[in-house]
Amino acid sequence: MIGPMSPRVAVVLLATLAACGTTSETGGKEPRNAKEKQQLEAAKDPDNTKKWGAWRYQGERNDCFYVLGRKCFKTENTACQAAHCKSPKTCEVTGGGPATVTCK
């Protein structure tokens, strides 16, 4: 016959039962294959868009021919005006697709 249980044994038994009954953070739905894993990850991302970098060009991105900092311009003239080059320096355009505008 089994006698009275000591408090230590009761605590260990309860802790073991509680550990067996917990579910994972995915709500008990562990992925069984790669497709299910991708579906779970897609469900976690609310916009479901590809994130390419920390910033984007500002301005006319569809007609981005000249870049000053991270702002796009359609024409060289508007990009150079936005650069506000001081008197001894002039507006210089280097590169292409989009070209970088600087004061030199």
Protein backbone atom coordinates (compact mmCIF):
# COMPACT_ATOMS: atom_id res chain seq x y z
CA MET A 1 0.00 0.00 0.00
CA ILE A 2 1.18 3.52 -0.80
CA GLY A 3 1.61 5.86 2.12
CA PRO A 4 1.17 9.65 2.27
CA MET A 5 3.13 11.62 -0.34
CA SER A 6 5.81 14.02 0.81
CA PRO A 7 5.46 17.67 -0.31
CA ARG A 8 8.64 17.45 -2.39
CA VAL A 9 7.37 14.47 -4.37
CA ALA A 10 4.05 16.25 -4.97
CA VAL A 11 5.80 19.38 -6.30
CA VAL A 12 8.03 17.34 -8.62
CA LEU A 13 5.04 15.39 -9.89
CA LEU A 14 2.99 18.55 -10.55
CA ALA A 15 5.92 20.25 -12.31
CA THR A 16 6.40 17.21 -14.55
CA LEU A 17 2.72 17.11 -15.47
CA ALA A 18 2.66 20.87 -16.17
CA ALA A 19 5.72 20.62 -18.44
CA CYS A 20 4.15 17.84 -20.47
CA GLY A 21 0.95 19.78 -21.01
CA THR A 22 2.45 23.01 -22.45
CA THR A 23 2.30 23.90 -26.13
CA SER A 24 4.84 25.70 -28.23
CA GLU A 25 4.64 29.39 -29.22
CA THR A 26 3.05 28.47 -32.55
CA GLY A 27 -0.10 27.32 -30.80
CA GLY A 28 0.70 23.61 -30.99
CA LYS A 29 0.99 23.67 -34.78
CA GLU A 30 4.55 22.65 -35.47
CA PRO A 31 5.38 22.53 -39.18
CA ARG A 32 5.84 19.04 -40.54
CA ASN A 33 7.49 20.09 -43.80
CA ALA A 34 9.02 23.10 -45.54
CA LYS A 35 5.74 24.23 -47.11
CA GLU A 36 3.98 24.39 -43.73
CA LYS A 37 6.94 26.28 -42.25
CA GLN A 38 6.76 28.89 -45.04
CA GLN A 39 3.01 29.26 -44.53
CA LEU A 40 3.45 29.81 -40.79
CA GLU A 41 6.19 32.41 -41.37
CA ALA A 42 4.05 34.19 -43.97
CA ALA A 43 1.14 34.30 -41.53
CA LYS A 44 3.36 35.96 -38.90
CA ASP A 45 4.37 38.80 -41.31
CA PRO A 46 1.38 41.19 -41.62
CA ASP A 47 2.44 42.98 -44.81
CA ASN A 48 3.94 39.91 -46.41
CA THR A 49 6.31 42.06 -48.46
CA LYS A 50 9.99 41.60 -49.20
CA LYS A 51 12.15 44.04 -47.24
CA TRP A 52 15.15 45.04 -49.31
CA GLY A 53 16.78 47.72 -47.22
CA ALA A 54 16.45 50.37 -44.58
CA TRP A 55 15.61 53.29 -46.87
CA ARG A 56 14.21 54.14 -50.28
CA TYR A 57 14.71 56.95 -52.72
CA GLN A 58 12.36 59.86 -52.13
CA GLY A 59 10.75 61.89 -54.88
CA GLU A 60 10.02 60.71 -58.42
CA ARG A 61 11.26 57.14 -58.16
CA ASN A 62 9.77 56.14 -61.51
CA ASP A 63 11.79 58.90 -63.24
CA CYS A 64 14.88 58.78 -61.01
CA PHE A 65 17.71 59.96 -63.26
CA TYR A 66 19.67 62.12 -60.76
CA VAL A 67 20.15 61.48 -57.03
CA LEU A 68 21.11 64.04 -54.41
CA GLY A 69 21.51 62.25 -51.09
CA ARG A 70 18.54 59.94 -51.31
CA LYS A 71 16.14 62.22 -53.19
CA CYS A 72 15.42 61.59 -56.86
CA PHE A 73 15.12 64.18 -59.64
CA LYS A 74 14.04 63.98 -63.27
CA THR A 75 16.44 66.61 -64.64
CA GLU A 76 20.02 67.62 -63.94
CA ASN A 77 18.97 71.26 -63.58
CA THR A 78 16.50 70.58 -60.74
CA ALA A 79 19.01 68.34 -58.97
CA CYS A 80 21.73 71.00 -59.15
CA GLN A 81 19.34 73.69 -57.91
CA ALA A 82 18.45 71.49 -54.94
CA ALA A 83 22.15 70.99 -54.16
CA HIS A 84 22.59 74.74 -53.40
CA CYS A 85 26.28 74.74 -54.28
CA LYS A 86 28.17 77.76 -52.88
CA SER A 87 30.06 80.20 -55.14
CA PRO A 88 33.49 78.55 -55.55
CA LYS A 89 31.96 75.08 -55.91
CA THR A 90 30.01 73.86 -58.90
CA CYS A 91 27.45 71.13 -59.41
CA GLU A 92 29.05 67.88 -60.58
CA VAL A 93 27.23 64.83 -61.91
CA THR A 94 28.96 61.43 -61.78
CA GLY A 95 27.91 57.95 -62.72
CA GLY A 96 24.66 56.86 -64.22
CA GLY A 97 21.45 55.03 -63.56
CA PRO A 98 20.82 57.18 -61.42
CA ALA A 99 23.65 59.71 -61.57
CA THR A 100 24.94 61.15 -58.30
CA VAL A 101 24.90 64.95 -57.89
CA THR A 102 27.53 66.60 -55.65
CA CYS A 103 29.09 70.03 -55.12
CA LYS A 104 32.80 70.11 -56.12
